[in-house]
Protein backbone atom coordinates (compact mmCIF):
# COMPACT_ATOMS: atom_id res chain seq x y z
CA MET A 1 -46.03 49.88 87.50
CA ARG A 2 -47.95 47.34 89.64
CA GLU A 3 -49.66 50.24 91.41
CA HIS A 4 -51.04 51.81 88.23
CA PHE A 5 -51.61 48.62 86.32
CA PRO A 6 -52.35 45.77 88.72
CA PHE A 7 -53.72 43.63 85.97
CA PHE A 8 -50.39 43.26 84.20
CA HIS A 9 -49.29 39.65 84.19
CA ALA A 10 -46.39 38.80 86.50
CA GLN A 11 -44.52 36.98 83.78
CA ASN A 12 -44.67 40.08 81.54
CA LEU A 13 -43.11 42.17 84.38
CA LYS A 14 -40.47 39.50 84.83
CA ASP A 15 -39.71 39.60 81.11
CA CYS A 16 -39.05 43.32 81.39
CA LEU A 17 -36.33 42.68 83.93
CA ASN A 18 -34.62 40.11 81.74
CA PRO A 19 -33.35 41.71 78.53
CA GLY A 20 -32.53 39.68 75.47
CA GLN A 21 -35.99 38.28 74.96
CA ARG A 22 -37.08 37.07 71.52
CA PRO A 23 -39.58 39.32 69.62
CA LYS A 24 -43.08 38.23 70.52
CA LEU A 25 -46.66 39.42 71.07
CA GLU A 26 -48.90 37.96 73.71
CA LEU A 27 -52.67 38.68 74.13
CA TYR A 28 -54.49 39.11 77.44
CA ASP A 29 -58.00 40.17 78.37
CA ARG A 30 -57.29 43.92 78.72
CA TYR A 31 -54.01 44.44 76.90
CA ALA A 32 -51.34 43.03 74.59
CA PHE A 33 -47.72 42.55 75.56
CA MET A 34 -45.09 43.00 72.80
CA VAL A 35 -41.37 42.61 72.80
CA LEU A 36 -39.28 44.01 69.94
CA LEU A 37 -35.54 44.15 69.50
CA PHE A 38 -33.73 46.86 67.50
CA PRO A 39 -30.05 47.09 66.51
CA VAL A 40 -27.63 49.57 68.10
CA TYR A 41 -24.13 50.07 66.70
CA ASN A 42 -21.29 50.11 69.23
CA ARG A 43 -18.55 52.27 67.68
CA GLN A 44 -15.93 51.12 70.18
CA THR A 45 -16.29 47.41 69.54
CA ARG A 46 -17.59 47.80 65.93
CA GLU A 47 -20.42 45.41 66.92
CA ILE A 48 -24.17 45.52 66.36
CA GLU A 49 -25.92 45.00 69.72
CA SER A 50 -29.59 44.49 70.48
CA SER A 51 -31.76 47.00 72.33
CA GLU A 52 -35.01 45.60 73.74
CA ILE A 53 -38.22 47.59 74.01
CA ASP A 54 -41.24 46.07 75.86
CA PHE A 55 -44.76 47.41 75.08
CA PHE A 56 -47.93 47.11 77.19
CA ILE A 57 -50.69 48.06 74.76
CA GLY A 58 -54.15 48.85 76.00
CA LYS A 59 -57.24 50.75 74.76
CA ASP A 60 -56.29 53.91 76.63
CA PHE A 61 -52.61 53.36 77.56
CA LEU A 62 -49.24 52.55 76.05
CA VAL A 63 -46.44 51.60 78.49
CA THR A 64 -42.91 51.12 77.29
CA VAL A 65 -39.94 49.63 79.08
CA HIS A 66 -36.52 50.15 77.49
CA ASP A 67 -32.83 50.73 78.21
CA ASP A 68 -32.64 54.41 77.12
CA LYS A 69 -30.62 53.48 74.04
CA ARG A 70 -33.42 54.54 71.68
CA PRO A 71 -34.01 58.33 71.56
CA GLU A 72 -37.21 57.78 69.52
CA VAL A 73 -38.98 56.42 72.59
CA THR A 74 -37.78 59.25 74.82
CA GLN A 75 -38.90 61.85 72.27
CA LEU A 76 -42.36 60.31 72.11
CA PHE A 77 -42.66 60.42 75.90
CA GLU A 78 -41.58 64.07 75.99
CA LYS A 79 -44.12 64.88 73.32
CA PHE A 80 -46.99 63.47 75.35
CA GLN A 81 -45.68 65.16 78.49
CA ALA A 82 -45.90 68.49 76.73
CA SER A 83 -49.31 67.67 75.39
CA ALA A 84 -50.58 66.74 78.84
CA LYS A 85 -49.58 70.18 80.19
CA SER A 86 -51.47 72.00 77.46
CA GLN A 87 -55.02 73.28 77.85
CA VAL A 88 -56.29 70.86 75.17
CA PRO A 89 -54.37 67.61 75.70
CA ASP A 90 -54.07 65.34 72.64
CA VAL A 91 -55.70 61.93 73.00
CA PRO A 92 -53.97 59.77 70.41
CA ASN A 93 -54.93 56.56 68.75
CA VAL A 94 -52.88 53.99 70.66
CA ILE A 95 -52.22 51.66 67.77
CA LEU A 96 -51.51 54.55 65.39
CA THR A 97 -49.07 56.03 67.93
CA LEU A 98 -47.37 52.64 68.39
CA ALA A 99 -47.18 52.02 64.62
CA ASP A 100 -45.61 55.46 64.12
CA LEU A 101 -43.04 54.75 66.85
CA VAL A 102 -42.20 51.32 65.30
CA ASN A 103 -41.88 52.93 61.91
CA GLN A 104 -39.40 55.47 63.35
CA LEU A 105 -37.44 52.69 65.00
CA LEU A 106 -37.36 50.71 61.72
CA ARG A 107 -36.25 53.75 59.71
CA SER A 108 -33.28 54.10 62.11
CA CYS A 109 -32.05 50.75 60.86
CA PHE A 110 -31.44 51.97 57.35
CA PRO A 111 -28.30 54.07 58.13
CA MET A 112 -26.76 50.91 59.64
CA LEU A 113 -27.67 49.01 56.48
CA ASP A 114 -26.00 51.75 54.44
CA HIS A 115 -22.91 51.50 56.64
CA ILE A 116 -22.75 47.71 56.04
CA SER A 117 -23.21 48.22 52.30
CA VAL A 118 -20.26 50.71 52.25
CA ASP A 119 -18.10 48.24 54.24
CA LEU A 120 -18.86 45.52 51.74
CA HIS A 121 -17.90 47.68 48.81
CA GLY A 122 -14.72 48.76 50.54
CA ILE A 123 -13.78 45.17 51.31
CA GLU A 124 -14.37 44.15 47.65
CA ARG A 125 -12.08 46.97 46.43
CA GLN A 126 -9.27 46.05 48.86
CA ILE A 127 -9.47 42.38 48.01
CA PHE A 128 -8.78 43.01 44.32
CA ARG A 129 -5.98 45.42 45.22
CA GLY A 130 -3.94 42.58 46.73
CA LYS A 131 -4.84 43.09 50.38
CA GLU A 132 -6.53 39.71 50.90
CA LYS A 133 -4.84 38.96 54.23
CA ALA A 134 -5.71 42.36 55.70
CA MET A 135 -9.35 41.86 54.74
CA VAL A 136 -9.79 38.53 56.57
CA GLN A 137 -10.59 40.29 59.87
CA GLU A 138 -12.78 42.94 58.16
CA ILE A 139 -14.84 40.23 56.45
CA LEU A 140 -15.37 38.37 59.73
CA ILE A 141 -16.39 41.55 61.56
CA THR A 142 -18.91 42.47 58.81
CA ARG A 143 -20.22 38.91 58.68
CA ARG A 144 -20.72 38.86 62.41
CA ASN A 145 -22.63 42.16 62.30
CA ILE A 146 -24.90 40.86 59.46
CA VAL A 147 -25.59 37.66 61.46
CA ASP A 148 -26.42 39.69 64.62
CA PHE A 149 -28.60 42.11 62.62
CA ARG A 150 -30.47 39.14 61.13
CA LYS A 151 -31.02 37.62 64.56
CA ILE A 152 -32.50 40.91 65.79
CA MET A 153 -34.79 41.50 62.84
CA GLN A 154 -35.81 37.93 62.03
CA ALA A 155 -39.24 37.88 63.74
CA HIS A 156 -40.23 41.57 63.28
CA LYS A 157 -42.56 41.18 60.33
CA ASN A 158 -44.64 38.37 61.91
CA THR A 159 -44.76 40.20 65.27
CA ILE A 160 -46.02 43.40 63.62
CA LYS A 161 -48.61 41.40 61.70
CA LYS A 162 -49.87 39.94 65.00
CA LEU A 163 -50.31 43.56 66.27
CA GLY A 164 -53.03 44.08 63.67
CA PHE A 165 -54.72 40.88 64.93
CA ALA A 166 -54.41 42.09 68.51
CA ASN A 167 -56.04 45.39 67.56
CA ARG A 168 -59.04 43.62 66.03
CA THR A 169 -59.34 41.17 68.92
CA LEU A 170 -59.10 43.71 71.77
CA HIS A 171 -60.78 46.55 69.90
CA LEU A 172 -57.90 48.88 70.84
CA ALA A 173 -58.45 51.35 68.03
CA PRO A 174 -60.39 51.67 64.78
CA VAL A 175 -58.75 49.38 62.27
CA GLU A 176 -59.18 51.77 59.32
CA GLN A 177 -57.21 54.45 61.15
CA SER A 178 -54.15 52.31 61.90
CA ALA A 179 -54.07 49.72 59.10
CA ASP A 180 -51.94 51.86 56.75
CA ALA A 181 -49.37 52.62 59.44
CA LEU A 182 -49.08 49.00 60.34
CA ASP A 183 -48.72 48.03 56.72
CA ASP A 184 -45.92 50.57 56.36
CA ALA A 185 -44.14 48.98 59.34
CA ILE A 186 -44.53 45.52 57.86
CA GLU A 187 -43.17 46.72 54.49
CA GLN A 188 -40.19 48.45 56.15
CA SER A 189 -39.35 45.30 58.16
CA LYS A 190 -39.56 43.28 54.88
CA ASP A 191 -37.25 45.74 53.14
CA ILE A 192 -34.75 45.51 55.98
CA TRP A 193 -34.83 41.72 55.84
CA ASP A 194 -34.38 41.68 52.05
CA ASN A 195 -31.36 43.89 52.42
CA LEU A 196 -29.90 41.64 55.09
CA GLU A 197 -30.50 38.61 52.84
CA ALA A 198 -28.60 40.28 50.03
CA PHE A 199 -25.74 41.32 52.42
CA LYS A 200 -25.53 37.79 53.72
CA GLU A 201 -25.01 36.44 50.17
CA SER A 202 -22.53 39.22 49.38
CA VAL A 203 -20.33 38.72 52.42
CA GLU A 204 -20.28 34.94 51.90
CA ALA A 205 -19.29 35.43 48.24
CA LEU A 206 -16.52 37.91 49.33
CA GLN A 207 -15.28 35.53 51.94
CA GLU A 208 -15.11 32.70 49.42
CA THR A 209 -13.35 34.95 46.84
CA ASN A 210 -10.86 36.15 49.46
CA GLU A 211 -10.04 32.63 50.57
CA SER A 212 -9.63 31.55 46.93
CA LEU A 213 -7.21 34.37 46.24
CA ILE A 214 -5.23 33.59 49.41
CA SER A 215 -5.09 29.91 48.38
CA PHE A 216 -4.05 30.86 44.86
CA HIS A 217 -1.17 32.99 46.15
CA LEU A 218 -0.10 30.27 48.59
CA ASN A 219 -0.19 27.67 45.79
CA ASP A 220 1.81 30.02 43.57
CA ILE A 221 4.44 30.40 46.34
CA MET A 222 4.56 26.67 46.94
CA LYS A 223 4.94 26.01 43.25
CA THR A 224 7.87 28.42 43.09
CA TYR A 225 9.50 26.80 46.13
CA THR A 226 8.97 23.37 44.61
CA MET A 227 10.66 24.38 41.34
CA ILE A 228 13.58 25.87 43.26
CA SER A 229 13.84 22.70 45.27
CA VAL A 230 13.90 20.56 42.10
CA VAL A 231 16.69 22.73 40.60
CA ILE A 232 18.71 22.60 43.81
CA PHE A 233 18.16 18.87 44.13
CA THR A 234 19.38 18.29 40.56
CA LEU A 235 22.47 20.44 41.05
CA THR A 236 23.14 18.77 44.42
CA LEU A 237 22.95 15.31 42.83
CA ILE A 238 25.43 16.30 40.08
CA THR A 239 27.77 17.86 42.64
CA THR A 240 27.59 14.79 44.85
CA ILE A 241 28.53 12.52 41.95
CA PHE A 242 31.59 14.59 41.18
CA ALA A 243 32.45 14.84 44.88
CA ALA A 244 32.82 11.10 45.07
CA ASN A 245 36.18 11.50 43.29
CA LEU A 246 36.19 7.97 41.95
CA PRO A 247 38.59 6.77 39.29
CA HIS A 248 37.76 7.91 35.76
CA THR A 249 35.44 10.70 37.10
CA PRO A 250 35.33 13.36 34.35
CA LEU A 251 36.77 16.85 35.00
CA VAL A 252 38.47 15.79 38.26
CA SER A 253 41.99 15.89 36.88
CA ALA A 254 41.31 18.63 34.31
CA ALA A 255 43.08 21.99 34.72
CA TYR A 256 39.86 23.95 34.48
CA GLY A 257 37.64 21.18 35.89
CA PHE A 258 36.13 23.40 38.61
CA TYR A 259 35.02 26.05 36.12
CA ALA A 260 33.74 23.35 33.75
CA LEU A 261 31.69 21.92 36.54
CA LEU A 262 30.20 25.32 37.31
CA ALA A 263 29.31 25.71 33.66
CA LEU A 264 27.77 22.27 33.59
CA LEU A 265 25.68 23.06 36.66
CA GLY A 266 24.56 26.34 35.08
CA ILE A 267 23.53 24.53 31.90
CA ILE A 268 21.59 21.96 33.83
CA ALA A 269 19.86 24.65 35.92
CA MET A 270 18.92 26.60 32.86
CA GLY A 271 17.73 23.44 31.14
CA THR A 272 15.54 22.52 34.12
CA ILE A 273 13.98 25.99 34.19
CA GLY A 274 13.49 25.79 30.44
CA ILE A 275 11.56 22.50 30.82
CA PHE A 276 9.36 24.19 33.46
CA LYS A 277 8.63 27.05 31.06
CA LEU A 278 7.97 24.65 28.20
CA LYS A 279 5.41 22.78 30.35
CA ARG A 280 4.01 26.13 31.49
CA TRP A 281 4.70 25.24 35.13
CA LEU A 282 6.51 28.54 35.64
């Protein structure tokens, strides 16, 4: 790249070798350097990863550096290769070409947004079907993907806006020819961000609902165990009193004292349960 474009700044070339840069646009005397990140879904890990594309934008050139994860860039390169071999090669508007490419890359984000939306609806259905515990991991995975998606797309709109300023400053292409395409890219990035904002609120609400349902069921279980413990404690206390076998202890010398004690314990247990029902604790 240095041989063909010796005026490229050394820091820009270094940035190309270090993926994971933040989205940005920098202006120089003869070109603009832009970094954009786009999401890529890893089906094996179920994780949204970032794919970086670096752009060197000049009046008569457009150089891209990427990791081959984006077929849109490869297809554009192949298109220009075919055009260069033709008898009448196409000389495109650089900014218009770049805006069209960015629009294609942004449109590729919408299927991932649809996938997240489907996941959220599925989680919601499963939560209210009594599968709260099974949905804990699914909620965390979806929330992580939304957070990662937001990190990737957070600065897109402002960076694309700066591209219009770079075009006017460097006189890369006629503004009237590329303004609409840049506006479309800005609107798409805004739509993506609005969807991510809505998904963020939805997944947080689902997580709170799921945790509330789990807490409610745990409280219900603890309440049941507490009532059982109270009944058992009451019966144990009565049994302990009779087990003391002190003088004048009722039923000790009776012929059917054992059965009478069992009946007494049954009456006490039923009475305790009845009190719980009367107080609406059960």
